[in-house]
């Protein structure tokens, strides 16, 4: 292409392959949270209770351990309840007084210790273990502290209709549908046989019902655990997304943790000036100054008995002239 000069400046031929304008898309991403959270960011969020934790994982393992212990102790629990019921109904003919009520109360407490306490103890240990696995040992009171912002209705509606709330709603509906499907599949084959239980004695009926119950419950718990593992992975990912930082936030954090580079430069400059001043004060104590003689100078000090002279000052150009 021929170029016709219009302005006094020389005109260069137009290169069709080179664009007239170029944009750096990174300039538009300055305010976007594209950087992975730093260790300090995660530590601060952890202090506030913002960690990747799945409540579904706790629920699944607590249910699993609870029903597993019940199944293991089922005969023992049934025997204890049978003995207690027999004792109660055999003593109903007695007069009810304070001593009888106290004895009855103690028998109830003893029954609970024999039947319910092992289950509660196993559930407690399981809950603590799963919490420790997810977040470790953490005592945080900031998350439960009173904040006036929590009473703000506008912020409250914002949290209700936020993206996280909608995701939790979808998860709950999906979980209800899945669990309902497995409950229906477990019961549809057993329902036709349930009317026959009226011909069984109490012990046989309870035994058959327990088989159906445990089979159904463990299927549902297996589904809950699968959903819990997926939810735990999602919670970890979502927490990381929430903690992501902008490039400016990363720079500001580095300044806070390592110090402002300009201030550090000023400190180093001041240190050099102070070292130079101390060095120049040592020059009069030197015994000899060696020069090259235009650019370098070295001041040496020597006393009798030394194996070698000591350099007390050195410099080049202007410092050498001084």
Protein backbone atom coordinates (compact mmCIF):
# COMPACT_ATOMS: atom_id res chain seq x y z
CA UNK A 1 0.00 0.00 0.00
CA UNK A 2 1.27 3.46 -0.86
CA UNK A 3 1.50 5.99 1.97
CA UNK A 4 0.75 9.68 1.39
CA UNK A 5 2.16 11.95 4.13
CA UNK A 6 -0.31 14.52 5.48
CA UNK A 7 1.36 15.56 8.74
CA UNK A 8 4.95 16.74 9.11
CA UNK A 9 5.86 13.46 10.83
CA UNK A 10 6.96 10.63 8.55
CA UNK A 11 4.24 8.19 7.71
CA UNK A 12 4.81 4.48 8.01
CA UNK A 13 3.11 1.94 5.79
CA UNK A 14 0.08 0.30 7.38
CA UNK A 15 0.59 -3.31 8.28
CA UNK A 16 -2.66 -5.15 7.70
CA UNK A 17 -1.59 -8.03 9.96
CA UNK A 18 -1.11 -5.77 13.01
CA UNK A 19 -4.36 -4.62 14.71
CA UNK A 20 -4.98 -0.92 15.21
CA UNK A 21 -5.96 -1.39 18.87
CA UNK A 22 -5.01 -4.05 21.39
CA UNK A 23 -6.58 -4.69 24.78
CA UNK A 24 -5.08 -6.47 27.75
CA UNK A 25 -7.94 -8.51 29.19
CA UNK A 26 -6.02 -8.89 32.46
CA UNK A 27 -6.75 -5.23 33.17
CA UNK A 28 -10.47 -6.03 33.34
CA UNK A 29 -9.88 -8.97 35.72
CA UNK A 30 -8.28 -6.86 38.48
CA UNK A 31 -11.47 -6.92 40.54
CA UNK A 32 -12.33 -10.56 39.91
CA UNK A 33 -11.52 -13.19 42.50
CA UNK A 34 -9.30 -15.41 40.38
CA UNK A 35 -6.50 -16.22 42.84
CA UNK A 36 -6.43 -19.23 45.15
CA UNK A 37 -6.76 -18.33 48.85
CA UNK A 38 -3.49 -18.01 50.70
CA UNK A 39 -2.64 -19.84 53.91
CA UNK A 40 -3.28 -16.66 55.92
CA UNK A 41 -6.68 -16.20 54.27
CA UNK A 42 -7.64 -19.79 55.14
CA UNK A 43 -6.38 -19.39 58.71
CA UNK A 44 -8.41 -16.19 59.22
CA UNK A 45 -11.52 -17.83 57.77
CA UNK A 46 -10.98 -20.84 60.02
CA UNK A 47 -10.96 -18.57 63.08
CA UNK A 48 -14.34 -17.24 61.96
CA UNK A 49 -15.73 -20.75 61.53
CA UNK A 50 -15.72 -20.62 57.72
CA UNK A 51 -14.50 -24.11 56.89
CA UNK A 52 -15.51 -26.80 54.43
CA UNK A 53 -17.80 -28.96 56.53
CA UNK A 54 -20.69 -31.22 55.58
CA UNK A 55 -23.47 -31.77 58.09
CA UNK A 56 -24.69 -34.64 55.93
CA UNK A 57 -21.48 -36.55 56.68
CA UNK A 58 -22.15 -36.25 60.43
CA UNK A 59 -25.75 -37.35 59.98
CA UNK A 60 -24.86 -40.36 57.86
CA UNK A 61 -22.20 -41.76 60.18
CA UNK A 62 -24.22 -41.04 63.34
CA UNK A 63 -27.19 -42.95 61.90
CA UNK A 64 -24.94 -45.79 60.77
CA UNK A 65 -23.28 -46.24 64.17
CA UNK A 66 -26.53 -45.76 66.09
CA UNK A 67 -28.45 -48.44 64.21
CA UNK A 68 -25.43 -50.73 64.13
CA UNK A 69 -25.20 -50.58 67.94
CA UNK A 70 -28.97 -51.08 68.22
CA UNK A 71 -28.76 -54.16 66.02
CA UNK A 72 -25.85 -55.57 68.05
CA UNK A 73 -27.66 -54.95 71.36
CA UNK A 74 -31.17 -55.68 70.12
CA UNK A 75 -31.62 -58.88 72.10
CA UNK A 76 -30.18 -57.28 75.23
CA UNK A 77 -32.44 -54.21 74.88
CA UNK A 78 -35.50 -56.39 74.27
CA UNK A 79 -34.68 -58.56 77.30
CA UNK A 80 -34.19 -55.55 79.61
CA UNK A 81 -37.44 -53.92 78.48
CA UNK A 82 -39.29 -57.24 78.88
CA UNK A 83 -37.99 -57.69 82.44
CA UNK A 84 -38.87 -54.11 83.37
CA UNK A 85 -42.38 -54.34 81.91
CA UNK A 86 -42.97 -57.62 83.74
CA UNK A 87 -41.80 -56.07 87.01
CA UNK A 88 -44.00 -53.00 86.61
CA UNK A 89 -47.19 -54.86 85.76
CA UNK A 90 -46.62 -57.36 88.56
CA UNK A 91 -46.36 -54.56 91.16
CA UNK A 92 -49.25 -52.41 89.98
CA UNK A 93 -51.48 -54.00 92.64
CA UNK A 94 -49.40 -52.47 95.41
CA UNK A 95 -50.28 -49.17 96.97
CA UNK A 96 -48.53 -46.23 95.33
CA UNK A 97 -46.53 -44.29 97.91
CA UNK A 98 -43.35 -42.21 97.96
CA UNK A 99 -41.08 -45.21 98.43
CA UNK A 100 -42.67 -47.04 95.51
CA UNK A 101 -42.34 -44.01 93.24
CA UNK A 102 -38.71 -43.57 94.21
CA UNK A 103 -38.02 -47.23 93.50
CA UNK A 104 -39.79 -46.96 90.15
CA UNK A 105 -37.75 -43.87 89.24
CA UNK A 106 -34.49 -45.64 90.06
CA UNK A 107 -35.55 -48.66 87.99
CA UNK A 108 -36.26 -46.39 85.01
CA UNK A 109 -32.85 -44.72 85.34
CA UNK A 110 -31.17 -48.12 85.53
CA UNK A 111 -33.08 -49.29 82.45
CA UNK A 112 -31.96 -46.23 80.49
CA UNK A 113 -28.35 -46.83 81.50
CA UNK A 114 -28.52 -50.41 80.29
CA UNK A 115 -30.30 -49.73 77.00
CA UNK A 116 -29.97 -46.11 75.86
CA UNK A 117 -26.61 -45.06 77.33
CA UNK A 118 -24.47 -47.36 75.09
CA UNK A 119 -26.20 -45.96 72.01
CA UNK A 120 -25.81 -42.34 73.15
CA UNK A 121 -22.13 -42.92 73.99
CA UNK A 122 -21.43 -44.43 70.56
CA UNK A 123 -23.27 -41.56 68.82
CA UNK A 124 -21.32 -38.98 70.84
CA UNK A 125 -17.95 -40.52 69.95
CA UNK A 126 -18.93 -40.79 66.30
CA UNK A 127 -20.04 -37.15 66.11
CA UNK A 128 -16.81 -35.94 67.72
CA UNK A 129 -14.68 -38.13 65.46
CA UNK A 130 -16.36 -36.96 62.24
CA UNK A 131 -16.16 -33.31 63.29
CA UNK A 132 -12.48 -33.72 64.13
CA UNK A 133 -11.88 -35.36 60.75
CA UNK A 134 -13.53 -32.47 58.91
CA UNK A 135 -12.25 -29.39 60.77
CA UNK A 136 -9.76 -30.67 63.34
CA UNK A 137 -9.58 -29.40 66.89
CA UNK A 138 -11.16 -25.95 66.81
CA UNK A 139 -12.85 -23.92 69.54
CA UNK A 140 -14.52 -20.93 67.91
CA UNK A 141 -16.85 -18.50 69.68
CA UNK A 142 -16.86 -15.80 67.03
CA UNK A 143 -19.39 -17.60 64.84
CA UNK A 144 -21.97 -17.71 67.66
CA UNK A 145 -21.32 -14.17 68.85
CA UNK A 146 -24.11 -11.58 68.79
CA UNK A 147 -24.07 -9.28 65.77
CA UNK A 148 -26.63 -6.58 65.00
CA UNK A 149 -26.20 -7.26 61.29
CA UNK A 150 -27.89 -10.65 61.82
CA UNK A 151 -31.11 -8.78 62.72
CA UNK A 152 -31.14 -6.92 59.41
CA UNK A 153 -34.18 -8.13 57.45
CA UNK A 154 -32.70 -7.15 54.08
CA UNK A 155 -29.54 -9.16 54.74
CA UNK A 156 -31.71 -12.00 56.00
CA UNK A 157 -33.75 -12.13 52.80
CA UNK A 158 -30.50 -11.94 50.85
CA UNK A 159 -29.20 -15.02 52.65
CA UNK A 160 -32.51 -16.86 52.17
CA UNK A 161 -32.55 -16.29 48.41
CA UNK A 162 -28.79 -16.53 47.89
CA UNK A 163 -27.10 -18.97 45.56
CA UNK A 164 -25.97 -21.14 48.47
CA UNK A 165 -29.52 -21.34 49.88
CA UNK A 166 -30.93 -22.37 46.51
CA UNK A 167 -28.25 -25.05 46.20
CA UNK A 168 -29.09 -26.34 49.70
CA UNK A 169 -32.80 -26.41 48.78
CA UNK A 170 -32.08 -28.39 45.62
CA UNK A 171 -29.89 -30.80 47.61
CA UNK A 172 -32.63 -31.32 50.20
CA UNK A 173 -35.29 -32.01 47.58
CA UNK A 174 -32.99 -34.40 45.76
CA UNK A 175 -32.16 -36.19 49.01
CA UNK A 176 -35.84 -36.53 49.93
CA UNK A 177 -36.63 -37.95 46.49
CA UNK A 178 -33.76 -40.48 46.60
CA UNK A 179 -34.50 -41.61 50.15
CA UNK A 180 -38.22 -41.84 49.40
CA UNK A 181 -37.51 -44.00 46.37
CA UNK A 182 -35.39 -46.45 48.39
CA UNK A 183 -37.95 -46.54 51.21
CA UNK A 184 -40.68 -47.38 48.72
CA UNK A 185 -38.53 -50.04 47.08
CA UNK A 186 -37.77 -51.62 50.47
CA UNK A 187 -41.37 -51.66 51.68
CA UNK A 188 -43.30 -52.55 48.53
CA UNK A 189 -42.37 -56.25 48.80
CA UNK A 190 -42.99 -56.43 52.56
CA UNK A 191 -46.33 -54.61 52.87
CA UNK A 192 -48.45 -57.55 51.54
CA UNK A 193 -47.07 -59.82 54.30
CA UNK A 194 -47.56 -57.39 57.20
CA UNK A 195 -51.25 -58.34 57.91
CA UNK A 196 -50.01 -61.83 58.81
CA UNK A 197 -48.32 -60.37 61.90
CA UNK A 198 -51.66 -60.42 63.74
CA UNK A 199 -51.35 -64.21 63.94
CA UNK A 200 -47.87 -64.05 65.51
CA UNK A 201 -47.07 -63.60 69.16
CA UNK A 202 -45.36 -60.40 70.34
CA UNK A 203 -41.83 -61.81 70.27
CA UNK A 204 -42.13 -63.17 66.73
CA UNK A 205 -43.77 -59.96 65.47
CA UNK A 206 -40.99 -57.80 66.91
CA UNK A 207 -38.35 -60.08 65.44
CA UNK A 208 -39.87 -59.93 61.95
CA UNK A 209 -40.40 -56.17 62.17
CA UNK A 210 -36.82 -55.66 63.31
CA UNK A 211 -35.52 -57.56 60.27
CA UNK A 212 -37.57 -55.39 57.93
CA UNK A 213 -36.61 -52.22 59.78
CA UNK A 214 -32.88 -52.86 59.82
CA UNK A 215 -32.79 -53.92 56.17
CA UNK A 216 -34.64 -50.76 55.17
CA UNK A 217 -32.63 -48.45 57.42
CA UNK A 218 -29.22 -49.68 56.29
CA UNK A 219 -30.19 -49.23 52.63
CA UNK A 220 -31.25 -45.65 53.34
CA UNK A 221 -28.09 -44.98 55.37
CA UNK A 222 -25.95 -46.25 52.48
CA UNK A 223 -27.66 -43.74 50.19
CA UNK A 224 -27.19 -40.96 52.76
CA UNK A 225 -23.48 -41.74 53.08
CA UNK A 226 -22.97 -41.59 49.31
CA UNK A 227 -24.75 -38.23 49.19
CA UNK A 228 -22.76 -37.08 52.23
CA UNK A 229 -19.41 -37.80 50.57
CA UNK A 230 -20.49 -35.85 47.49
CA UNK A 231 -21.75 -33.02 49.70
CA UNK A 232 -18.45 -32.94 51.60
CA UNK A 233 -16.52 -32.57 48.35
CA UNK A 234 -18.90 -29.82 47.24
CA UNK A 235 -18.57 -27.95 50.57
CA UNK A 236 -14.78 -28.01 50.32
CA UNK A 237 -14.93 -26.70 46.75
CA UNK A 238 -17.51 -24.03 47.62
CA UNK A 239 -15.47 -22.82 50.60
CA UNK A 240 -12.42 -22.45 48.36
CA UNK A 241 -14.50 -20.49 45.84
CA UNK A 242 -15.81 -18.19 48.59
CA UNK A 243 -12.28 -17.55 49.86
CA UNK A 244 -10.74 -16.77 46.47
CA UNK A 245 -8.95 -13.43 46.31
CA UNK A 246 -8.35 -10.68 43.78
CA UNK A 247 -4.84 -9.87 42.62
CA UNK A 248 -4.93 -6.66 44.66
CA UNK A 249 -5.92 -8.55 47.81
CA UNK A 250 -2.95 -10.89 47.35
CA UNK A 251 -0.62 -7.89 46.96
CA UNK A 252 -2.08 -6.18 50.03
CA UNK A 253 -1.71 -9.34 52.09
CA UNK A 254 1.92 -9.71 51.04
CA UNK A 255 2.53 -6.11 52.09
CA UNK A 256 0.94 -6.77 55.48
CA UNK A 257 2.85 -9.99 56.10
CA UNK A 258 6.23 -9.13 54.56
CA UNK A 259 6.12 -5.32 54.73
CA UNK A 260 5.70 -2.62 52.09
CA UNK A 261 8.55 -2.90 49.53
CA UNK A 262 8.98 0.91 49.49
CA UNK A 263 9.30 1.03 53.27
CA UNK A 264 11.72 -1.89 53.23
CA UNK A 265 13.77 -0.09 50.56
CA UNK A 266 13.88 3.05 52.70
CA UNK A 267 15.01 0.98 55.70
CA UNK A 268 17.81 -0.64 53.67
CA UNK A 269 18.89 2.77 52.36
CA UNK A 270 19.01 4.14 55.90
CA UNK A 271 21.00 1.12 57.05
CA UNK A 272 23.51 1.66 54.23
CA UNK A 273 23.86 5.32 55.19
CA UNK A 274 24.46 4.41 58.82
CA UNK A 275 27.00 1.74 57.84
CA UNK A 276 28.74 4.27 55.58
CA UNK A 277 28.87 6.83 58.39
CA UNK A 278 30.37 4.28 60.79
CA UNK A 279 32.91 3.25 58.15
CA UNK A 280 33.98 6.84 57.51
CA UNK A 281 34.46 7.37 61.25
CA UNK A 282 36.95 4.49 61.24
CA UNK A 283 39.11 6.02 58.47
CA UNK A 284 41.19 8.26 60.81
CA UNK A 285 42.17 5.14 62.78
CA UNK A 286 43.70 3.55 59.67
CA UNK A 287 47.49 3.25 59.37
CA UNK A 288 47.58 3.31 55.59
CA UNK A 289 45.21 3.97 52.65
CA UNK A 290 45.86 2.11 49.43
CA UNK A 291 44.47 3.54 46.16
CA UNK A 292 44.65 2.35 42.56
CA UNK A 293 44.70 5.58 42.45
CA UNK A 294 41.63 6.77 40.50
CA UNK A 295 38.66 4.54 41.38
CA UNK A 296 39.31 2.41 44.47
CA UNK A 297 40.60 3.02 47.97
CA UNK A 298 41.11 0.68 50.92
CA UNK A 299 41.97 1.77 54.46
CA UNK A 300 44.03 -0.72 56.48
CA UNK A 301 44.84 -0.89 60.17
CA UNK A 302 47.76 -2.86 61.53
CA UNK A 303 49.20 -3.42 64.98
CA UNK A 304 52.28 -5.28 65.98
CA UNK A 305 51.53 -8.97 66.48
CA UNK A 306 48.72 -9.22 63.91
CA UNK A 307 49.03 -11.94 61.31
CA UNK A 308 47.47 -9.63 58.69
CA UNK A 309 46.12 -6.07 58.42
CA UNK A 310 42.42 -5.35 59.04
CA UNK A 311 40.27 -3.55 56.49
CA UNK A 312 38.51 -0.70 58.29
CA UNK A 313 37.00 1.03 55.21
CA UNK A 314 36.77 0.61 51.48
CA UNK A 315 35.02 2.33 48.60
CA UNK A 316 35.13 3.43 45.00
CA UNK A 317 34.74 6.67 43.05
CA UNK A 318 33.25 9.35 45.36
CA UNK A 319 33.63 7.23 48.47
CA UNK A 320 37.24 6.54 47.50
CA UNK A 321 37.88 10.28 47.12
CA UNK A 322 36.44 10.96 50.58
